Amino acid sequence: MDPEQIDHLLRSIDKLATALSQSQPYTITGASDWPILLVIGGMLVAMIGFMWNDLRSTLKDDRSEWQKAVEAHKKENVKSFDDIWEEHRRCQDKCCK
């Protein structure tokens, strides 16, 4: 989430809180609190959604990089394994003939 977006959200909350406090006294347990709680809850859900989306895309990017590294490692191991067997065959040919 962009810092500019967070600043904009904070300014919006401040405007809303100022407007609501001027019209009615603010009490956390009063019935007049539901608009503030609804706005804050909605923004919290939106921020969680943005963070989840960012995390999911990061995991997908990391997963593809990880899979590429695993495939490269497998190819390297197969080549090393083939080299070992080839050296073993050469040694057998030298020793047994």
PDB file of N, CA and C in Angstrom:
ATOM      1  N   MET A   1       0.842  -1.164   0.000  1.00  0.00           N
ATOM      2  CA  MET A   1       0.000   0.000   0.000  1.00  0.00           C
ATOM      3  C   MET A   1       0.892   1.232   0.000  1.00  0.00           C
ATOM      4  N   ASP A   2       0.551   2.167  -0.825  1.00  0.00           N
ATOM      5  CA  ASP A   2       1.334   3.377  -1.024  1.00  0.00           C
ATOM      6  C   ASP A   2       1.195   4.309   0.192  1.00  0.00           C
ATOM      7  N   PRO A   3       2.272   4.920   0.669  1.00  0.00           N
ATOM      8  CA  PRO A   3       2.179   5.857   1.797  1.00  0.00           C
ATOM      9  C   PRO A   3       1.238   7.022   1.497  1.00  0.00           C
ATOM     10  N   GLU A   4       1.164   7.419   0.247  1.00  0.00           N
ATOM     11  CA  GLU A   4       0.255   8.498  -0.120  1.00  0.00           C
ATOM     12  C   GLU A   4      -1.199   8.079   0.111  1.00  0.00           C
ATOM     13  N   GLN A   5      -1.524   6.803  -0.167  1.00  0.00           N
ATOM     14  CA  GLN A   5      -2.873   6.301   0.063  1.00  0.00           C
ATOM     15  C   GLN A   5      -3.194   6.289   1.552  1.00  0.00           C
ATOM     16  N   ILE A   6      -2.226   5.899   2.365  1.00  0.00           N
ATOM     17  CA  ILE A   6      -2.444   5.862   3.815  1.00  0.00           C
ATOM     18  C   ILE A   6      -2.696   7.271   4.337  1.00  0.00           C
ATOM     19  N   ASP A   7      -1.911   8.253   3.851  1.00  0.00           N
ATOM     20  CA  ASP A   7      -2.136   9.638   4.267  1.00  0.00           C
ATOM     21  C   ASP A   7      -3.538  10.107   3.883  1.00  0.00           C
ATOM     22  N   HIS A   8      -3.967   9.744   2.689  1.00  0.00           N
ATOM     23  CA  HIS A   8      -5.308  10.125   2.235  1.00  0.00           C
ATOM     24  C   HIS A   8      -6.376   9.480   3.119  1.00  0.00           C
ATOM     25  N   LEU A   9      -6.203   8.223   3.478  1.00  0.00           N
ATOM     26  CA  LEU A   9      -7.152   7.545   4.356  1.00  0.00           C
ATOM     27  C   LEU A   9      -7.203   8.199   5.732  1.00  0.00           C
ATOM     28  N   LEU A  10      -6.057   8.569   6.262  1.00  0.00           N
ATOM     29  CA  LEU A  10      -6.023   9.220   7.575  1.00  0.00           C
ATOM     30  C   LEU A  10      -6.706  10.580   7.534  1.00  0.00           C
ATOM     31  N   ARG A  11      -6.490  11.325   6.458  1.00  0.00           N
ATOM     32  CA  ARG A  11      -7.186  12.616   6.334  1.00  0.00           C
ATOM     33  C   ARG A  11      -8.696  12.419   6.237  1.00  0.00           C
ATOM     34  N   SER A  12      -9.128  11.376   5.538  1.00  0.00           N
ATOM     35  CA  SER A  12     -10.556  11.090   5.420  1.00  0.00           C
ATOM     36  C   SER A  12     -11.148  10.727   6.780  1.00  0.00           C
ATOM     37  N   ILE A  13     -10.429   9.920   7.549  1.00  0.00           N
ATOM     38  CA  ILE A  13     -10.898   9.561   8.893  1.00  0.00           C
ATOM     39  C   ILE A  13     -10.994  10.804   9.763  1.00  0.00           C
ATOM     40  N   ASP A  14      -9.995  11.683   9.664  1.00  0.00           N
ATOM     41  CA  ASP A  14     -10.009  12.912  10.461  1.00  0.00           C
ATOM     42  C   ASP A  14     -11.210  13.778  10.097  1.00  0.00           C
ATOM     43  N   LYS A  15     -11.487  13.935   8.797  1.00  0.00           N
ATOM     44  CA  LYS A  15     -12.657  14.714   8.363  1.00  0.00           C
ATOM     45  C   LYS A  15     -13.944  14.110   8.893  1.00  0.00           C
ATOM     46  N   LEU A  16     -14.057  12.779   8.791  1.00  0.00           N
ATOM     47  CA  LEU A  16     -15.265  12.101   9.251  1.00  0.00           C
ATOM     48  C   LEU A  16     -15.433  12.255  10.757  1.00  0.00           C
ATOM     49  N   ALA A  17     -14.362  12.080  11.488  1.00  0.00           N
ATOM     50  CA  ALA A  17     -14.430  12.211  12.944  1.00  0.00           C
ATOM     51  C   ALA A  17     -14.784  13.629  13.349  1.00  0.00           C
ATOM     52  N   THR A  18     -14.230  14.612  12.665  1.00  0.00           N
ATOM     53  CA  THR A  18     -14.532  16.017  12.966  1.00  0.00           C
ATOM     54  C   THR A  18     -16.002  16.316  12.682  1.00  0.00           C
ATOM     55  N   ALA A  19     -16.496  15.859  11.546  1.00  0.00           N
ATOM     56  CA  ALA A  19     -17.898  16.114  11.188  1.00  0.00           C
ATOM     57  C   ALA A  19     -18.848  15.429  12.162  1.00  0.00           C
ATOM     58  N   LEU A  20     -18.541  14.224  12.531  1.00  0.00           N
ATOM     59  CA  LEU A  20     -19.421  13.508  13.447  1.00  0.00           C
ATOM     60  C   LEU A  20     -19.341  14.060  14.867  1.00  0.00           C
ATOM     61  N   SER A  21     -18.180  14.523  15.286  1.00  0.00           N
ATOM     62  CA  SER A  21     -18.056  15.047  16.647  1.00  0.00           C
ATOM     63  C   SER A  21     -18.741  16.394  16.780  1.00  0.00           C
ATOM     64  N   GLN A  22     -18.839  17.148  15.716  1.00  0.00           N
ATOM     65  CA  GLN A  22     -19.519  18.437  15.771  1.00  0.00           C
ATOM     66  C   GLN A  22     -21.026  18.261  15.827  1.00  0.00           C
ATOM     67  N   SER A  23     -21.534  17.233  15.201  1.00  0.00           N
ATOM     68  CA  SER A  23     -22.978  17.054  15.178  1.00  0.00           C
ATOM     69  C   SER A  23     -23.498  16.377  16.447  1.00  0.00           C
ATOM     70  N   GLN A  24     -22.765  15.443  16.989  1.00  0.00           N
ATOM     71  CA  GLN A  24     -23.194  14.717  18.174  1.00  0.00           C
ATOM     72  C   GLN A  24     -21.983  14.455  19.050  1.00  0.00           C
ATOM     73  N   PRO A  25     -22.198  14.377  20.341  1.00  0.00           N
ATOM     74  CA  PRO A  25     -21.057  14.024  21.199  1.00  0.00           C
ATOM     75  C   PRO A  25     -20.606  12.588  20.912  1.00  0.00           C
ATOM     76  N   TYR A  26     -19.303  12.403  20.919  1.00  0.00           N
ATOM     77  CA  TYR A  26     -18.739  11.091  20.597  1.00  0.00           C
ATOM     78  C   TYR A  26     -18.603  10.245  21.854  1.00  0.00           C
ATOM     79  N   THR A  27     -19.236   9.098  21.825  1.00  0.00           N
ATOM     80  CA  THR A  27     -19.056   8.110  22.895  1.00  0.00           C
ATOM     81  C   THR A  27     -18.863   6.764  22.231  1.00  0.00           C
ATOM     82  N   ILE A  28     -17.950   5.996  22.752  1.00  0.00           N
ATOM     83  CA  ILE A  28     -17.616   4.725  22.113  1.00  0.00           C
ATOM     84  C   ILE A  28     -18.748   3.711  22.238  1.00  0.00           C
ATOM     85  N   THR A  29     -19.568   3.813  23.262  1.00  0.00           N
ATOM     86  CA  THR A  29     -20.652   2.845  23.432  1.00  0.00           C
ATOM     87  C   THR A  29     -21.995   3.374  22.955  1.00  0.00           C
ATOM     88  N   GLY A  30     -22.037   4.623  22.519  1.00  0.00           N
ATOM     89  CA  GLY A  30     -23.301   5.202  22.099  1.00  0.00           C
ATOM     90  C   GLY A  30     -23.752   4.694  20.744  1.00  0.00           C
ATOM     91  N   ALA A  31     -25.026   4.840  20.474  1.00  0.00           N
ATOM     92  CA  ALA A  31     -25.595   4.374  19.210  1.00  0.00           C
ATOM     93  C   ALA A  31     -25.123   5.220  18.032  1.00  0.00           C
ATOM     94  N   SER A  32     -24.564   6.379  18.311  1.00  0.00           N
ATOM     95  CA  SER A  32     -24.108   7.250  17.224  1.00  0.00           C
ATOM     96  C   SER A  32     -22.747   6.825  16.680  1.00  0.00           C
ATOM     97  N   ASP A  33     -22.142   5.796  17.249  1.00  0.00           N
ATOM     98  CA  ASP A  33     -20.808   5.377  16.822  1.00  0.00           C
ATOM     99  C   ASP A  33     -20.799   4.457  15.609  1.00  0.00           C
ATOM    100  N   TRP A  34     -21.904   3.911  15.222  1.00  0.00           N
ATOM    101  CA  TRP A  34     -21.872   2.910  14.158  1.00  0.00           C
ATOM    102  C   TRP A  34     -21.311   3.436  12.847  1.00  0.00           C
ATOM    103  N   PRO A  35     -21.531   4.699  12.438  1.00  0.00           N
ATOM    104  CA  PRO A  35     -20.913   5.138  11.173  1.00  0.00           C
ATOM    105  C   PRO A  35     -19.384   5.128  11.235  1.00  0.00           C
ATOM    106  N   ILE A  36     -18.836   5.588  12.350  1.00  0.00           N
ATOM    107  CA  ILE A  36     -17.383   5.603  12.482  1.00  0.00           C
ATOM    108  C   ILE A  36     -16.853   4.181  12.485  1.00  0.00           C
ATOM    109  N   LEU A  37     -17.489   3.314  13.248  1.00  0.00           N
ATOM    110  CA  LEU A  37     -17.053   1.928  13.311  1.00  0.00           C
ATOM    111  C   LEU A  37     -17.183   1.249  11.955  1.00  0.00           C
ATOM    112  N   LEU A  38     -18.227   1.567  11.223  1.00  0.00           N
ATOM    113  CA  LEU A  38     -18.417   0.996   9.895  1.00  0.00           C
ATOM    114  C   LEU A  38     -17.325   1.458   8.935  1.00  0.00           C
ATOM    115  N   VAL A  39     -17.001   2.738   8.964  1.00  0.00           N
ATOM    116  CA  VAL A  39     -15.948   3.266   8.092  1.00  0.00           C
ATOM    117  C   VAL A  39     -14.595   2.666   8.459  1.00  0.00           C
ATOM    118  N   ILE A  40     -14.274   2.650   9.735  1.00  0.00           N
ATOM    119  CA  ILE A  40     -12.983   2.101  10.166  1.00  0.00           C
ATOM    120  C   ILE A  40     -12.918   0.608   9.859  1.00  0.00           C
ATOM    121  N   GLY A  41     -14.011  -0.109  10.116  1.00  0.00           N
ATOM    122  CA  GLY A  41     -14.043  -1.538   9.798  1.00  0.00           C
ATOM    123  C   GLY A  41     -13.886  -1.791   8.310  1.00  0.00           C
ATOM    124  N   GLY A  42     -14.544  -0.990   7.487  1.00  0.00           N
ATOM    125  CA  GLY A  42     -14.416  -1.131   6.042  1.00  0.00           C
ATOM    126  C   GLY A  42     -12.999  -0.864   5.565  1.00  0.00           C
ATOM    127  N   MET A  43     -12.378   0.158   6.140  1.00  0.00           N
ATOM    128  CA  MET A  43     -10.996   0.460   5.759  1.00  0.00           C
ATOM    129  C   MET A  43     -10.057  -0.644   6.228  1.00  0.00           C
ATOM    130  N   LEU A  44     -10.321  -1.205   7.392  1.00  0.00           N
ATOM    131  CA  LEU A  44      -9.497  -2.303   7.891  1.00  0.00           C
ATOM    132  C   LEU A  44      -9.615  -3.522   6.972  1.00  0.00           C
ATOM    133  N   VAL A  45     -10.835  -3.842   6.571  1.00  0.00           N
ATOM    134  CA  VAL A  45     -11.047  -4.967   5.656  1.00  0.00           C
ATOM    135  C   VAL A  45     -10.360  -4.689   4.312  1.00  0.00           C
ATOM    136  N   ALA A  46     -10.444  -3.450   3.825  1.00  0.00           N
ATOM    137  CA  ALA A  46      -9.792  -3.095   2.556  1.00  0.00           C
ATOM    138  C   ALA A  46      -8.277  -3.222   2.674  1.00  0.00           C
ATOM    139  N   MET A  47      -7.708  -2.750   3.784  1.00  0.00           N
ATOM    140  CA  MET A  47      -6.255  -2.854   3.963  1.00  0.00           C
ATOM    141  C   MET A  47      -5.823  -4.315   4.038  1.00  0.00           C
ATOM    142  N   ILE A  48      -6.599  -5.144   4.739  1.00  0.00           N
ATOM    143  CA  ILE A  48      -6.277  -6.571   4.808  1.00  0.00           C
ATOM    144  C   ILE A  48      -6.356  -7.195   3.413  1.00  0.00           C
ATOM    145  N   GLY A  49      -7.349  -6.794   2.647  1.00  0.00           N
ATOM    146  CA  GLY A  49      -7.479  -7.298   1.277  1.00  0.00           C
ATOM    147  C   GLY A  49      -6.294  -6.911   0.413  1.00  0.00           C
ATOM    148  N   PHE A  50      -5.857  -5.645   0.500  1.00  0.00           N
ATOM    149  CA  PHE A  50      -4.690  -5.205  -0.271  1.00  0.00           C
ATOM    150  C   PHE A  50      -3.437  -5.965   0.158  1.00  0.00           C
ATOM    151  N   MET A  51      -3.270  -6.134   1.462  1.00  0.00           N
ATOM    152  CA  MET A  51      -2.091  -6.832   1.966  1.00  0.00           C
ATOM    153  C   MET A  51      -2.111  -8.299   1.537  1.00  0.00           C
ATOM    154  N   TRP A  52      -3.284  -8.934   1.581  1.00  0.00           N
ATOM    155  CA  TRP A  52      -3.399 -10.334   1.179  1.00  0.00           C
ATOM    156  C   TRP A  52      -3.075 -10.490  -0.305  1.00  0.00           C
ATOM    157  N   ASN A  53      -3.581  -9.580  -1.119  1.00  0.00           N
ATOM    158  CA  ASN A  53      -3.317  -9.631  -2.553  1.00  0.00           C
ATOM    159  C   ASN A  53      -1.819  -9.475  -2.828  1.00  0.00           C
ATOM    160  N   ASP A  54      -1.172  -8.549  -2.136  1.00  0.00           N
ATOM    161  CA  ASP A  54       0.261  -8.342  -2.302  1.00  0.00           C
ATOM    162  C   ASP A  54       1.044  -9.571  -1.851  1.00  0.00           C
ATOM    163  N   LEU A  55       0.651 -10.152  -0.729  1.00  0.00           N
ATOM    164  CA  LEU A  55       1.329 -11.352  -0.233  1.00  0.00           C
ATOM    165  C   LEU A  55       1.174 -12.512  -1.203  1.00  0.00           C
ATOM    166  N   ARG A  56      -0.037 -12.680  -1.733  1.00  0.00           N
ATOM    167  CA  ARG A  56      -0.289 -13.773  -2.671  1.00  0.00           C
ATOM    168  C   ARG A  56       0.549 -13.619  -3.939  1.00  0.00           C
ATOM    169  N   SER A  57       0.639 -12.397  -4.465  1.00  0.00           N
ATOM    170  CA  SER A  57       1.448 -12.191  -5.672  1.00  0.00           C
ATOM    171  C   SER A  57       2.928 -12.399  -5.372  1.00  0.00           C
ATOM    172  N   THR A  58       3.372 -12.003  -4.189  1.00  0.00           N
ATOM    173  CA  THR A  58       4.771 -12.228  -3.802  1.00  0.00           C
ATOM    174  C   THR A  58       5.062 -13.713  -3.705  1.00  0.00           C
ATOM    175  N   LEU A  59       4.139 -14.466  -3.122  1.00  0.00           N
ATOM    176  CA  LEU A  59       4.337 -15.904  -2.996  1.00  0.00           C
ATOM    177  C   LEU A  59       4.368 -16.578  -4.362  1.00  0.00           C
ATOM    178  N   LYS A  60       3.518 -16.137  -5.284  1.00  0.00           N
ATOM    179  CA  LYS A  60       3.526 -16.713  -6.633  1.00  0.00           C
ATOM    180  C   LYS A  60       4.848 -16.436  -7.325  1.00  0.00           C
ATOM    181  N   ASP A  61       5.361 -15.204  -7.191  1.00  0.00           N
ATOM    182  CA  ASP A  61       6.649 -14.864  -7.801  1.00  0.00           C
ATOM    183  C   ASP A  61       7.763 -15.710  -7.200  1.00  0.00           C
ATOM    184  N   ASP A  62       7.769 -15.819  -5.873  1.00  0.00           N
ATOM    185  CA  ASP A  62       8.805 -16.605  -5.201  1.00  0.00           C
ATOM    186  C   ASP A  62       8.691 -18.077  -5.562  1.00  0.00           C
ATOM    187  N   ARG A  63       7.465 -18.575  -5.709  1.00  0.00           N
ATOM    188  CA  ARG A  63       7.269 -19.984  -6.043  1.00  0.00           C
ATOM    189  C   ARG A  63       7.840 -20.293  -7.422  1.00  0.00           C
ATOM    190  N   SER A  64       7.621 -19.424  -8.383  1.00  0.00           N
ATOM    191  CA  SER A  64       8.153 -19.690  -9.727  1.00  0.00           C
ATOM    192  C   SER A  64       9.680 -19.638  -9.714  1.00  0.00           C
ATOM    193  N   GLU A  65      10.256 -18.709  -8.956  1.00  0.00           N
ATOM    194  CA  GLU A  65      11.720 -18.660  -8.848  1.00  0.00           C
ATOM    195  C   GLU A  65      12.248 -19.922  -8.175  1.00  0.00           C
ATOM    196  N   TRP A  66      11.543 -20.361  -7.140  1.00  0.00           N
ATOM    197  CA  TRP A  66      11.951 -21.563  -6.420  1.00  0.00           C
ATOM    198  C   TRP A  66      11.894 -22.783  -7.335  1.00  0.00           C
ATOM    199  N   GLN A  67      10.821 -22.894  -8.131  1.00  0.00           N
ATOM    200  CA  GLN A  67      10.691 -24.033  -9.032  1.00  0.00           C
ATOM    201  C   GLN A  67      11.791 -24.031 -10.087  1.00  0.00           C
ATOM    202  N   LYS A  68      12.166 -22.858 -10.585  1.00  0.00           N
ATOM    203  CA  LYS A  68      13.258 -22.775 -11.547  1.00  0.00           C
ATOM    204  C   LYS A  68      14.568 -23.231 -10.912  1.00  0.00           C
ATOM    205  N   ALA A  69      14.795 -22.829  -9.675  1.00  0.00           N
ATOM    206  CA  ALA A  69      16.026 -23.228  -8.982  1.00  0.00           C
ATOM    207  C   ALA A  69      16.050 -24.735  -8.751  1.00  0.00           C
ATOM    208  N   VAL A  70      14.895 -25.319  -8.399  1.00  0.00           N
ATOM    209  CA  VAL A  70      14.826 -26.767  -8.181  1.00  0.00           C
ATOM    210  C   VAL A  70      15.108 -27.517  -9.478  1.00  0.00           C
ATOM    211  N   GLU A  71      14.527 -27.060 -10.583  1.00  0.00           N
ATOM    212  CA  GLU A  71      14.764 -27.719 -11.872  1.00  0.00           C
ATOM    213  C   GLU A  71      16.239 -27.633 -12.272  1.00  0.00           C
ATOM    214  N   ALA A  72      16.850 -26.474 -12.057  1.00  0.00           N
ATOM    215  CA  ALA A  72      18.272 -26.327 -12.383  1.00  0.00           C
ATOM    216  C   ALA A  72      19.114 -27.255 -11.506  1.00  0.00           C
ATOM    217  N   HIS A  73      18.747 -27.350 -10.241  1.00  0.00           N
ATOM    218  CA  HIS A  73      19.477 -28.235  -9.323  1.00  0.00           C
ATOM    219  C   HIS A  73      19.321 -29.700  -9.727  1.00  0.00           C
ATOM    220  N   LYS A  74      18.118 -30.080 -10.140  1.00  0.00           N
ATOM    221  CA  LYS A  74      17.886 -31.463 -10.583  1.00  0.00           C
ATOM    222  C   LYS A  74      18.748 -31.782 -11.812  1.00  0.00           C
ATOM    223  N   LYS A  75      18.785 -30.876 -12.778  1.00  0.00           N
ATOM    224  CA  LYS A  75      19.589 -31.091 -13.982  1.00  0.00           C
ATOM    225  C   LYS A  75      21.065 -31.221 -13.626  1.00  0.00           C
ATOM    226  N   GLU A  76      21.518 -30.391 -12.697  1.00  0.00           N
ATOM    227  CA  GLU A  76      22.911 -30.448 -12.268  1.00  0.00           C
ATOM    228  C   GLU A  76      23.213 -31.778 -11.583  1.00  0.00           C
ATOM    229  N   ASN A  77      22.281 -32.256 -10.750  1.00  0.00           N
ATOM    230  CA  ASN A  77      22.480 -33.536 -10.065  1.00  0.00           C
ATOM    231  C   ASN A  77      22.486 -34.702 -11.037  1.00  0.00           C
ATOM    232  N   VAL A  78      21.599 -34.678 -12.029  1.00  0.00           N
ATOM    233  CA  VAL A  78      21.562 -35.751 -13.026  1.00  0.00           C
ATOM    234  C   VAL A  78      22.870 -35.773 -13.806  1.00  0.00           C
ATOM    235  N   LYS A  79      23.373 -34.600 -14.185  1.00  0.00           N
ATOM    236  CA  LYS A  79      24.646 -34.527 -14.910  1.00  0.00           C
ATOM    237  C   LYS A  79      25.774 -35.066 -14.031  1.00  0.00           C
ATOM    238  N   SER A  80      25.791 -34.688 -12.767  1.00  0.00           N
ATOM    239  CA  SER A  80      26.829 -35.187 -11.859  1.00  0.00           C
ATOM    240  C   SER A  80      26.725 -36.699 -11.697  1.00  0.00           C
ATOM    241  N   PHE A  81      25.520 -37.199 -11.580  1.00  0.00           N
ATOM    242  CA  PHE A  81      25.292 -38.638 -11.438  1.00  0.00           C
ATOM    243  C   PHE A  81      25.789 -39.381 -12.676  1.00  0.00           C
ATOM    244  N   ASP A  82      25.472 -38.835 -13.864  1.00  0.00           N
ATOM    245  CA  ASP A  82      25.941 -39.440 -15.119  1.00  0.00           C
ATOM    246  C   ASP A  82      27.466 -39.410 -15.205  1.00  0.00           C
ATOM    247  N   ASP A  83      28.071 -38.319 -14.762  1.00  0.00           N
ATOM    248  CA  ASP A  83      29.536 -38.213 -14.771  1.00  0.00           C
ATOM    249  C   ASP A  83      30.167 -39.262 -13.857  1.00  0.00           C
ATOM    250  N   ILE A  84      29.576 -39.469 -12.692  1.00  0.00           N
ATOM    251  CA  ILE A  84      30.098 -40.472 -11.754  1.00  0.00           C
ATOM    252  C   ILE A  84      30.021 -41.865 -12.373  1.00  0.00           C
ATOM    253  N   TRP A  85      28.890 -42.212 -12.981  1.00  0.00           N
ATOM    254  CA  TRP A  85      28.750 -43.539 -13.596  1.00  0.00           C
ATOM    255  C   TRP A  85      29.699 -43.700 -14.776  1.00  0.00           C
ATOM    256  N   GLU A  86      29.882 -42.647 -15.539  1.00  0.00           N
ATOM    257  CA  GLU A  86      30.815 -42.717 -16.668  1.00  0.00           C
ATOM    258  C   GLU A  86      32.241 -42.955 -16.166  1.00  0.00           C
ATOM    259  N   GLU A  87      32.625 -42.268 -15.125  1.00  0.00           N
ATOM    260  CA  GLU A  87      33.956 -42.476 -14.544  1.00  0.00           C
ATOM    261  C   GLU A  87      34.084 -43.888 -13.985  1.00  0.00           C
ATOM    262  N   HIS A  88      33.029 -44.395 -13.386  1.00  0.00           N
ATOM    263  CA  HIS A  88      33.024 -45.773 -12.869  1.00  0.00           C
ATOM    264  C   HIS A  88      33.213 -46.785 -14.006  1.00  0.00           C
ATOM    265  N   ARG A  89      32.549 -46.567 -15.131  1.00  0.00           N
ATOM    266  CA  ARG A  89      32.679 -47.470 -16.281  1.00  0.00           C
ATOM    267  C   ARG A  89      34.106 -47.435 -16.846  1.00  0.00           C
ATOM    268  N   ARG A  90      34.673 -46.217 -16.933  1.00  0.00           N
ATOM    269  CA  ARG A  90      36.047 -46.101 -17.421  1.00  0.00           C
ATOM    270  C   ARG A  90      37.027 -46.837 -16.507  1.00  0.00           C
ATOM    271  N   CYS A  91      36.817 -46.701 -15.221  1.00  0.00           N
ATOM    272  CA  CYS A  91      37.671 -47.369 -14.246  1.00  0.00           C
ATOM    273  C   CYS A  91      37.525 -48.886 -14.373  1.00  0.00           C
ATOM    274  N   GLN A  92      36.289 -49.351 -14.532  1.00  0.00           N
ATOM    275  CA  GLN A  92      36.040 -50.790 -14.695  1.00  0.00           C
ATOM    276  C   GLN A  92      36.729 -51.301 -15.962  1.00  0.00           C
ATOM    277  N   ASP A  93      36.634 -50.508 -17.038  1.00  0.00           N
ATOM    278  CA  ASP A  93      37.263 -50.917 -18.297  1.00  0.00           C
ATOM    279  C   ASP A  93      38.786 -51.008 -18.147  1.00  0.00           C
ATOM    280  N   LYS A  94      39.384 -50.062 -17.437  1.00  0.00           N
ATOM    281  CA  LYS A  94      40.834 -50.069 -17.233  1.00  0.00           C
ATOM    282  C   LYS A  94      41.280 -51.232 -16.354  1.00  0.00           C
ATOM    283  N   CYS A  95      40.532 -51.453 -15.300  1.00  0.00           N
ATOM    284  CA  CYS A  95      40.947 -52.447 -14.318  1.00  0.00           C
ATOM    285  C   CYS A  95      40.663 -53.885 -14.764  1.00  0.00           C
ATOM    286  N   CYS A  96      39.574 -54.093 -15.434  1.00  0.00           N
ATOM    287  CA  CYS A  96      39.131 -55.462 -15.744  1.00  0.00           C
ATOM    288  C   CYS A  96      39.680 -55.987 -17.061  1.00  0.00           C
ATOM    289  N   LYS A  97      40.263 -55.168 -17.888  1.00  0.00           N
ATOM    290  CA  LYS A  97      40.768 -55.658 -19.199  1.00  0.00           C
ATOM    291  C   LYS A  97      42.155 -56.158 -19.106  1.00  0.00           C
TER     292      LYS A  97
END
